[in-house]
Amino acid sequence: MAARKRGVIVRTLVVGDEPGVRSVLLAAFPTSAEADLVDQLRSGGHAELEVVAEKEGQTIGHILFSSLKTPFRALGLAPVSVTPTHQRRGIGSALIERGHELARAEGWQASFVLGEPEYYGRFGYSADAARPFACIYSGPNFMMLALNEPLPIARSEVGYPPPFEELD
């Protein structure tokens, strides 16, 4: 099922969306690193949930949630991308909110993100919530959102899939 907002459709990725997603990633970021990361996460079987935004048949936004190594069902949100001409219009927010809805419905227990606290805090992510979870990305920009509470454990390690290790 897709959500529609001001002519933008937000829906789960389907086969055939991949070239449009890659175009969005290449337009949204200064290098191909994020587009390559998405390709590697998919080919490695780590991509669990992908959501796209489209307008007039064109892909204009994308998010990916990958599986993390934890003793409970956790996802990592990265990357979030919107074409530059469509940024600052709520599309990234719509993608994240829809992704959270789908993740909750699929029984995922938490989502972690490395990003800007002010932005991701709007969606309930918190560095304080992530603090008990050791990770190579631990710090003020490493945040967690409990999707289905309570979490089964209060402290553990969080491991990201190998393709993240290749990012600078």
N, C-alpha and C. Protein backbone atom coordinates (compact mmCIF):
# COMPACT_ATOMS: atom_id res chain seq x y z
N MET A 1 0.84 -1.18 0.00
CA MET A 1 0.00 0.00 0.00
C MET A 1 0.88 1.25 0.00
N ALA A 2 0.52 2.23 -0.78
CA ALA A 2 1.30 3.45 -0.90
C ALA A 2 0.60 4.61 -0.23
N ALA A 3 1.37 5.57 0.21
CA ALA A 3 0.84 6.80 0.78
C ALA A 3 1.04 7.90 -0.26
N ARG A 4 0.11 8.83 -0.31
CA ARG A 4 0.20 9.92 -1.28
C ARG A 4 0.13 11.25 -0.54
N LYS A 5 1.04 12.16 -0.90
CA LYS A 5 1.08 13.48 -0.29
C LYS A 5 1.49 14.49 -1.34
N ARG A 6 0.64 15.42 -1.65
CA ARG A 6 0.91 16.48 -2.63
C ARG A 6 1.50 15.97 -3.93
N GLY A 7 0.88 14.94 -4.48
CA GLY A 7 1.32 14.40 -5.75
C GLY A 7 2.52 13.47 -5.67
N VAL A 8 3.01 13.21 -4.46
CA VAL A 8 4.14 12.32 -4.27
C VAL A 8 3.62 11.00 -3.70
N ILE A 9 4.00 9.91 -4.32
CA ILE A 9 3.63 8.58 -3.85
C ILE A 9 4.82 8.01 -3.10
N VAL A 10 4.57 7.53 -1.88
CA VAL A 10 5.61 6.91 -1.06
C VAL A 10 5.23 5.45 -0.90
N ARG A 11 6.10 4.56 -1.38
CA ARG A 11 5.76 3.14 -1.41
C ARG A 11 7.01 2.28 -1.27
N THR A 12 6.77 1.00 -1.05
CA THR A 12 7.87 0.03 -0.97
C THR A 12 8.50 -0.13 -2.35
N LEU A 13 9.81 -0.29 -2.37
CA LEU A 13 10.53 -0.52 -3.61
C LEU A 13 10.04 -1.80 -4.27
N VAL A 14 9.92 -1.77 -5.59
CA VAL A 14 9.58 -2.97 -6.36
C VAL A 14 10.67 -3.19 -7.41
N VAL A 15 10.74 -4.42 -7.91
CA VAL A 15 11.72 -4.74 -8.95
C VAL A 15 11.53 -3.77 -10.11
N GLY A 16 12.62 -3.23 -10.58
CA GLY A 16 12.59 -2.25 -11.66
C GLY A 16 12.83 -0.83 -11.17
N ASP A 17 12.72 -0.61 -9.85
CA ASP A 17 12.97 0.72 -9.28
C ASP A 17 14.46 1.03 -9.13
N GLU A 18 15.30 0.01 -9.17
CA GLU A 18 16.71 0.17 -8.85
C GLU A 18 17.43 1.24 -9.67
N PRO A 19 17.25 1.32 -11.00
CA PRO A 19 17.95 2.37 -11.76
C PRO A 19 17.53 3.78 -11.33
N GLY A 20 16.26 3.98 -11.05
CA GLY A 20 15.79 5.28 -10.58
C GLY A 20 16.35 5.63 -9.22
N VAL A 21 16.45 4.63 -8.35
CA VAL A 21 17.03 4.84 -7.03
C VAL A 21 18.50 5.25 -7.16
N ARG A 22 19.22 4.55 -8.02
CA ARG A 22 20.64 4.90 -8.20
C ARG A 22 20.77 6.33 -8.71
N SER A 23 19.90 6.75 -9.61
CA SER A 23 19.94 8.13 -10.11
C SER A 23 19.70 9.13 -8.99
N VAL A 24 18.76 8.83 -8.10
CA VAL A 24 18.49 9.71 -6.95
C VAL A 24 19.73 9.82 -6.07
N LEU A 25 20.33 8.67 -5.76
CA LEU A 25 21.52 8.66 -4.91
C LEU A 25 22.68 9.44 -5.53
N LEU A 26 22.87 9.29 -6.83
CA LEU A 26 23.94 10.00 -7.51
C LEU A 26 23.69 11.51 -7.53
N ALA A 27 22.43 11.90 -7.60
CA ALA A 27 22.09 13.32 -7.60
C ALA A 27 22.16 13.93 -6.20
N ALA A 28 21.85 13.14 -5.19
CA ALA A 28 21.75 13.66 -3.82
C ALA A 28 23.08 13.75 -3.09
N PHE A 29 24.06 12.96 -3.51
CA PHE A 29 25.34 12.93 -2.81
C PHE A 29 26.47 13.32 -3.76
N PRO A 30 27.58 13.85 -3.21
CA PRO A 30 28.67 14.34 -4.07
C PRO A 30 29.49 13.26 -4.77
N THR A 31 29.43 12.02 -4.27
CA THR A 31 30.17 10.93 -4.90
C THR A 31 29.22 9.74 -5.08
N SER A 32 29.72 8.68 -5.67
CA SER A 32 28.91 7.48 -5.87
C SER A 32 28.94 6.55 -4.65
N ALA A 33 29.56 6.95 -3.55
CA ALA A 33 29.74 6.06 -2.39
C ALA A 33 28.41 5.52 -1.87
N GLU A 34 27.41 6.37 -1.72
CA GLU A 34 26.12 5.92 -1.19
C GLU A 34 25.39 5.03 -2.18
N ALA A 35 25.46 5.35 -3.46
CA ALA A 35 24.83 4.51 -4.47
C ALA A 35 25.50 3.13 -4.49
N ASP A 36 26.81 3.12 -4.39
CA ASP A 36 27.54 1.85 -4.35
C ASP A 36 27.20 1.08 -3.07
N LEU A 37 27.07 1.78 -1.95
CA LEU A 37 26.69 1.15 -0.69
C LEU A 37 25.35 0.44 -0.83
N VAL A 38 24.37 1.10 -1.40
CA VAL A 38 23.04 0.49 -1.58
C VAL A 38 23.16 -0.76 -2.45
N ASP A 39 23.91 -0.68 -3.54
CA ASP A 39 24.09 -1.85 -4.40
C ASP A 39 24.72 -3.01 -3.62
N GLN A 40 25.74 -2.71 -2.82
CA GLN A 40 26.43 -3.74 -2.04
C GLN A 40 25.54 -4.33 -0.95
N LEU A 41 24.74 -3.48 -0.31
CA LEU A 41 23.81 -3.99 0.73
C LEU A 41 22.79 -4.93 0.11
N ARG A 42 22.28 -4.56 -1.05
CA ARG A 42 21.33 -5.43 -1.74
C ARG A 42 21.98 -6.75 -2.14
N SER A 43 23.12 -6.66 -2.82
CA SER A 43 23.74 -7.88 -3.33
C SER A 43 24.22 -8.79 -2.20
N GLY A 44 24.52 -8.22 -1.03
CA GLY A 44 24.96 -9.01 0.11
C GLY A 44 23.82 -9.55 0.96
N GLY A 45 22.58 -9.23 0.57
CA GLY A 45 21.43 -9.71 1.32
C GLY A 45 21.16 -8.96 2.61
N HIS A 46 21.68 -7.75 2.74
CA HIS A 46 21.52 -6.97 3.96
C HIS A 46 20.36 -5.96 3.90
N ALA A 47 19.86 -5.68 2.71
CA ALA A 47 18.77 -4.71 2.56
C ALA A 47 17.47 -5.38 2.99
N GLU A 48 16.87 -4.88 4.04
CA GLU A 48 15.64 -5.46 4.58
C GLU A 48 14.39 -4.72 4.14
N LEU A 49 14.51 -3.41 4.00
CA LEU A 49 13.34 -2.59 3.70
C LEU A 49 13.80 -1.36 2.92
N GLU A 50 13.17 -1.14 1.77
CA GLU A 50 13.46 0.05 0.97
C GLU A 50 12.15 0.72 0.62
N VAL A 51 12.16 2.04 0.73
CA VAL A 51 10.98 2.83 0.43
C VAL A 51 11.39 3.90 -0.58
N VAL A 52 10.54 4.12 -1.57
CA VAL A 52 10.81 5.14 -2.58
C VAL A 52 9.69 6.18 -2.60
N ALA A 53 10.06 7.35 -3.06
CA ALA A 53 9.08 8.42 -3.32
C ALA A 53 9.13 8.67 -4.82
N GLU A 54 7.95 8.78 -5.41
CA GLU A 54 7.90 9.08 -6.84
C GLU A 54 6.89 10.17 -7.10
N LYS A 55 7.17 10.93 -8.13
CA LYS A 55 6.27 11.99 -8.58
C LYS A 55 6.22 11.94 -10.09
N GLU A 56 5.00 11.88 -10.61
CA GLU A 56 4.79 11.83 -12.05
C GLU A 56 5.63 10.72 -12.69
N GLY A 57 5.69 9.57 -12.02
CA GLY A 57 6.38 8.41 -12.55
C GLY A 57 7.89 8.42 -12.38
N GLN A 58 8.46 9.45 -11.79
CA GLN A 58 9.90 9.55 -11.60
C GLN A 58 10.25 9.32 -10.13
N THR A 59 11.28 8.52 -9.89
CA THR A 59 11.76 8.32 -8.53
C THR A 59 12.48 9.58 -8.08
N ILE A 60 12.06 10.12 -6.92
CA ILE A 60 12.67 11.36 -6.42
C ILE A 60 13.24 11.21 -5.01
N GLY A 61 13.00 10.05 -4.38
CA GLY A 61 13.53 9.84 -3.04
C GLY A 61 13.63 8.36 -2.72
N HIS A 62 14.45 8.05 -1.72
CA HIS A 62 14.70 6.64 -1.36
C HIS A 62 15.29 6.56 0.05
N ILE A 63 14.92 5.52 0.78
CA ILE A 63 15.60 5.16 2.02
C ILE A 63 15.79 3.65 2.04
N LEU A 64 16.81 3.25 2.78
CA LEU A 64 17.10 1.84 2.93
C LEU A 64 17.33 1.54 4.41
N PHE A 65 16.75 0.46 4.87
CA PHE A 65 17.01 -0.07 6.21
C PHE A 65 17.71 -1.40 6.02
N SER A 66 18.89 -1.56 6.61
CA SER A 66 19.61 -2.82 6.51
C SER A 66 19.59 -3.54 7.86
N SER A 67 19.77 -4.85 7.80
CA SER A 67 19.79 -5.65 9.02
C SER A 67 21.10 -5.40 9.77
N LEU A 68 21.00 -5.34 11.08
CA LEU A 68 22.16 -5.16 11.94
C LEU A 68 22.40 -6.42 12.75
N LYS A 69 23.63 -6.58 13.20
CA LYS A 69 23.96 -7.71 14.07
C LYS A 69 23.72 -7.29 15.51
N THR A 70 22.62 -7.76 16.07
CA THR A 70 22.24 -7.51 17.46
C THR A 70 21.51 -8.75 17.95
N PRO A 71 21.35 -8.88 19.27
CA PRO A 71 20.60 -10.03 19.79
C PRO A 71 19.08 -9.85 19.70
N PHE A 72 18.65 -8.79 19.04
CA PHE A 72 17.23 -8.57 18.79
C PHE A 72 17.09 -8.05 17.36
N ARG A 73 15.87 -7.91 16.88
CA ARG A 73 15.64 -7.52 15.48
C ARG A 73 15.81 -6.01 15.32
N ALA A 74 16.96 -5.62 14.77
CA ALA A 74 17.28 -4.20 14.62
C ALA A 74 17.69 -3.88 13.20
N LEU A 75 17.37 -2.67 12.81
CA LEU A 75 17.68 -2.15 11.48
C LEU A 75 18.60 -0.95 11.59
N GLY A 76 19.35 -0.70 10.53
CA GLY A 76 20.13 0.52 10.40
C GLY A 76 19.55 1.34 9.27
N LEU A 77 19.22 2.58 9.54
CA LEU A 77 18.66 3.48 8.53
C LEU A 77 19.80 4.22 7.85
N ALA A 78 20.01 3.95 6.58
CA ALA A 78 21.03 4.65 5.80
C ALA A 78 21.10 4.02 4.42
N PRO A 79 21.18 4.81 3.42
CA PRO A 79 21.09 6.26 3.40
C PRO A 79 19.65 6.74 3.17
N VAL A 80 19.46 8.03 3.40
CA VAL A 80 18.22 8.73 3.06
C VAL A 80 18.60 9.68 1.94
N SER A 81 17.86 9.65 0.85
CA SER A 81 18.21 10.53 -0.28
C SER A 81 16.96 11.07 -0.97
N VAL A 82 17.06 12.32 -1.35
CA VAL A 82 16.01 13.00 -2.12
C VAL A 82 16.72 13.85 -3.17
N THR A 83 16.21 13.85 -4.39
CA THR A 83 16.85 14.65 -5.43
C THR A 83 16.90 16.12 -4.99
N PRO A 84 17.96 16.82 -5.33
CA PRO A 84 18.11 18.21 -4.87
C PRO A 84 16.91 19.11 -5.19
N THR A 85 16.28 18.93 -6.33
CA THR A 85 15.14 19.79 -6.69
C THR A 85 13.89 19.51 -5.85
N HIS A 86 13.89 18.42 -5.10
CA HIS A 86 12.73 18.08 -4.28
C HIS A 86 13.03 18.09 -2.78
N GLN A 87 14.23 18.52 -2.40
CA GLN A 87 14.59 18.57 -0.99
C GLN A 87 13.86 19.71 -0.28
N ARG A 88 13.75 19.54 1.05
CA ARG A 88 13.12 20.53 1.93
C ARG A 88 11.63 20.69 1.65
N ARG A 89 11.01 19.58 1.24
CA ARG A 89 9.56 19.59 0.97
C ARG A 89 8.85 18.49 1.75
N GLY A 90 9.54 17.89 2.72
CA GLY A 90 8.93 16.86 3.54
C GLY A 90 9.01 15.46 2.98
N ILE A 91 9.70 15.27 1.87
CA ILE A 91 9.78 13.95 1.24
C ILE A 91 10.64 13.00 2.07
N GLY A 92 11.78 13.48 2.55
CA GLY A 92 12.61 12.65 3.41
C GLY A 92 11.86 12.22 4.66
N SER A 93 11.13 13.15 5.24
CA SER A 93 10.32 12.83 6.43
C SER A 93 9.26 11.79 6.11
N ALA A 94 8.60 11.94 4.97
CA ALA A 94 7.57 10.97 4.58
C ALA A 94 8.17 9.58 4.37
N LEU A 95 9.36 9.53 3.79
CA LEU A 95 10.04 8.25 3.58
C LEU A 95 10.36 7.59 4.92
N ILE A 96 10.91 8.36 5.84
CA ILE A 96 11.29 7.82 7.15
C ILE A 96 10.05 7.35 7.90
N GLU A 97 9.02 8.16 7.93
CA GLU A 97 7.79 7.78 8.65
C GLU A 97 7.18 6.51 8.07
N ARG A 98 7.13 6.42 6.74
CA ARG A 98 6.58 5.21 6.11
C ARG A 98 7.47 4.01 6.40
N GLY A 99 8.78 4.21 6.36
CA GLY A 99 9.69 3.13 6.70
C GLY A 99 9.49 2.61 8.11
N HIS A 100 9.28 3.53 9.05
CA HIS A 100 9.02 3.11 10.43
C HIS A 100 7.71 2.33 10.54
N GLU A 101 6.68 2.78 9.85
CA GLU A 101 5.40 2.06 9.87
C GLU A 101 5.57 0.63 9.37
N LEU A 102 6.26 0.48 8.25
CA LEU A 102 6.48 -0.84 7.67
C LEU A 102 7.34 -1.71 8.58
N ALA A 103 8.38 -1.13 9.16
CA ALA A 103 9.27 -1.88 10.05
C ALA A 103 8.50 -2.37 11.28
N ARG A 104 7.67 -1.52 11.84
CA ARG A 104 6.86 -1.94 12.99
C ARG A 104 5.94 -3.10 12.61
N ALA A 105 5.30 -2.97 11.46
CA ALA A 105 4.37 -4.00 11.01
C ALA A 105 5.08 -5.33 10.77
N GLU A 106 6.36 -5.27 10.40
CA GLU A 106 7.14 -6.49 10.15
C GLU A 106 7.80 -7.03 11.42
N GLY A 107 7.55 -6.39 12.56
CA GLY A 107 8.07 -6.89 13.84
C GLY A 107 9.49 -6.50 14.17
N TRP A 108 10.06 -5.52 13.48
CA TRP A 108 11.39 -5.04 13.84
C TRP A 108 11.28 -4.31 15.17
N GLN A 109 12.30 -4.45 16.00
CA GLN A 109 12.23 -3.92 17.36
C GLN A 109 12.91 -2.57 17.55
N ALA A 110 13.90 -2.26 16.71
CA ALA A 110 14.62 -1.00 16.86
C ALA A 110 15.24 -0.59 15.53
N SER A 111 15.50 0.71 15.43
CA SER A 111 16.20 1.26 14.28
C SER A 111 17.31 2.17 14.81
N PHE A 112 18.51 2.01 14.24
CA PHE A 112 19.64 2.84 14.59
C PHE A 112 19.98 3.72 13.40
N VAL A 113 20.53 4.90 13.68
CA VAL A 113 20.94 5.80 12.61
C VAL A 113 22.15 6.59 13.08
N LEU A 114 23.01 6.91 12.13
CA LEU A 114 24.14 7.80 12.38
C LEU A 114 23.83 9.06 11.59
N GLY A 115 23.57 10.15 12.30
CA GLY A 115 23.17 11.36 11.59
C GLY A 115 23.03 12.55 12.49
N GLU A 116 22.40 13.56 11.97
CA GLU A 116 22.21 14.83 12.65
C GLU A 116 21.14 14.69 13.73
N PRO A 117 21.50 14.85 15.01
CA PRO A 117 20.52 14.67 16.09
C PRO A 117 19.28 15.56 15.98
N GLU A 118 19.47 16.79 15.54
CA GLU A 118 18.32 17.69 15.43
C GLU A 118 17.30 17.17 14.41
N TYR A 119 17.79 16.66 13.30
CA TYR A 119 16.89 16.14 12.26
C TYR A 119 16.25 14.83 12.71
N TYR A 120 17.06 13.85 13.07
CA TYR A 120 16.52 12.52 13.40
C TYR A 120 15.79 12.50 14.73
N GLY A 121 16.08 13.45 15.60
CA GLY A 121 15.34 13.57 16.85
C GLY A 121 13.86 13.83 16.62
N ARG A 122 13.52 14.44 15.52
CA ARG A 122 12.11 14.70 15.19
C ARG A 122 11.31 13.42 15.00
N PHE A 123 12.02 12.33 14.71
CA PHE A 123 11.36 11.04 14.48
C PHE A 123 11.45 10.12 15.69
N GLY A 124 12.02 10.63 16.78
CA GLY A 124 12.11 9.86 18.01
C GLY A 124 13.46 9.21 18.25
N TYR A 125 14.42 9.40 17.33
CA TYR A 125 15.76 8.85 17.53
C TYR A 125 16.46 9.62 18.65
N SER A 126 17.26 8.90 19.43
CA SER A 126 17.92 9.51 20.57
C SER A 126 19.31 8.91 20.79
N ALA A 127 20.29 9.78 21.01
CA ALA A 127 21.63 9.31 21.35
C ALA A 127 21.62 8.67 22.74
N ASP A 128 20.81 9.19 23.65
CA ASP A 128 20.71 8.59 24.98
C ASP A 128 20.20 7.15 24.89
N ALA A 129 19.23 6.90 24.02
CA ALA A 129 18.70 5.55 23.86
C ALA A 129 19.74 4.61 23.27
N ALA A 130 20.63 5.14 22.43
CA ALA A 130 21.65 4.30 21.79
C ALA A 130 22.87 4.07 22.68
N ARG A 131 23.07 4.90 23.69
CA ARG A 131 24.28 4.83 24.50
C ARG A 131 24.60 3.44 25.06
N PRO A 132 23.61 2.65 25.52
CA PRO A 132 23.94 1.32 26.05
C PRO A 132 24.35 0.29 24.99
N PHE A 133 24.30 0.67 23.72
CA PHE A 133 24.58 -0.26 22.64
C PHE A 133 25.92 0.09 22.00
N ALA A 134 26.92 -0.70 22.28
CA ALA A 134 28.28 -0.45 21.79
C ALA A 134 28.34 -0.66 20.28
N CYS A 135 29.00 0.28 19.61
CA CYS A 135 29.09 0.24 18.15
C CYS A 135 30.31 1.04 17.72
N ILE A 136 30.87 0.72 16.57
CA ILE A 136 32.00 1.50 16.08
C ILE A 136 31.59 2.95 15.79
N TYR A 137 30.30 3.20 15.65
CA TYR A 137 29.80 4.55 15.38
C TYR A 137 29.31 5.26 16.64
N SER A 138 29.48 4.66 17.81
CA SER A 138 28.99 5.26 19.06
C SER A 138 29.49 6.69 19.20
N GLY A 139 28.61 7.52 19.73
CA GLY A 139 28.92 8.93 19.93
C GLY A 139 27.64 9.74 19.84
N PRO A 140 27.76 11.05 19.83
CA PRO A 140 26.56 11.90 19.87
C PRO A 140 25.66 11.81 18.64
N ASN A 141 26.18 11.31 17.52
CA ASN A 141 25.39 11.20 16.29
C ASN A 141 24.86 9.80 16.06
N PHE A 142 25.16 8.87 16.96
CA PHE A 142 24.65 7.51 16.86
C PHE A 142 23.39 7.44 17.72
N MET A 143 22.26 7.17 17.08
CA MET A 143 20.97 7.24 17.77
C MET A 143 20.14 5.99 17.53
N MET A 144 19.17 5.79 18.43
CA MET A 144 18.29 4.62 18.32
C MET A 144 16.85 5.06 18.54
N LEU A 145 15.97 4.32 17.89
CA LEU A 145 14.53 4.46 18.07
C LEU A 145 13.98 3.07 18.33
N ALA A 146 13.31 2.88 19.46
CA ALA A 146 12.63 1.61 19.71
C ALA A 146 11.36 1.61 18.87
N LEU A 147 11.19 0.61 18.04
CA LEU A 147 10.03 0.52 17.16
C LEU A 147 8.88 -0.23 17.82
N ASN A 148 9.21 -1.27 18.54
CA ASN A 148 8.22 -2.07 19.26
C ASN A 148 8.78 -2.32 20.65
N GLU A 149 8.26 -1.61 21.62
CA GLU A 149 8.77 -1.70 22.99
C GLU A 149 8.05 -2.78 23.77
N PRO A 150 8.64 -3.26 24.83
CA PRO A 150 10.00 -2.94 25.26
C PRO A 150 11.01 -3.78 24.50
N LEU A 151 12.23 -3.27 24.43
CA LEU A 151 13.31 -4.06 23.81
C LEU A 151 13.61 -5.25 24.71
N PRO A 152 13.99 -6.38 24.12
CA PRO A 152 14.22 -7.58 24.93
C PRO A 152 15.46 -7.50 25.83
N ILE A 153 16.40 -6.63 25.48
CA ILE A 153 17.58 -6.43 26.32
C ILE A 153 17.91 -4.95 26.36
N ALA A 154 18.61 -4.54 27.39
CA ALA A 154 18.89 -3.12 27.58
C ALA A 154 20.30 -2.72 27.18
N ARG A 155 21.13 -3.69 26.81
CA ARG A 155 22.53 -3.38 26.49
C ARG A 155 23.09 -4.50 25.61
N SER A 156 23.83 -4.13 24.58
CA SER A 156 24.47 -5.14 23.71
C SER A 156 25.40 -4.42 22.75
N GLU A 157 25.95 -5.18 21.83
CA GLU A 157 26.75 -4.62 20.75
C GLU A 157 25.88 -4.54 19.50
N VAL A 158 26.19 -3.57 18.66
CA VAL A 158 25.50 -3.39 17.39
C VAL A 158 26.54 -3.45 16.29
N GLY A 159 26.35 -4.36 15.35
CA GLY A 159 27.27 -4.49 14.23
C GLY A 159 26.59 -4.17 12.91
N TYR A 160 27.25 -3.35 12.11
CA TYR A 160 26.74 -2.99 10.79
C TYR A 160 27.26 -3.97 9.74
N PRO A 161 26.54 -4.14 8.64
CA PRO A 161 27.00 -5.03 7.57
C PRO A 161 28.35 -4.56 7.00
N PRO A 162 29.15 -5.47 6.48
CA PRO A 162 30.48 -5.15 5.96
C PRO A 162 30.54 -3.99 4.96
N PRO A 163 29.56 -3.77 4.07
CA PRO A 163 29.70 -2.65 3.13
C PRO A 163 29.87 -1.29 3.81
N PHE A 164 29.40 -1.13 5.03
CA PHE A 164 29.57 0.16 5.72
C PHE A 164 31.02 0.43 6.05
N GLU A 165 31.81 -0.62 6.21
CA GLU A 165 33.22 -0.46 6.56
C GLU A 165 34.00 0.24 5.44
N GLU A 166 33.48 0.18 4.23
CA GLU A 166 34.19 0.76 3.09
C GLU A 166 33.90 2.26 2.91
N LEU A 167 32.94 2.79 3.68
CA LEU A 167 32.63 4.21 3.60
C LEU A 167 33.68 5.02 4.35
N ASP A 168 33.98 6.20 3.87
CA ASP A 168 34.91 7.09 4.58
C ASP A 168 34.17 7.98 5.54
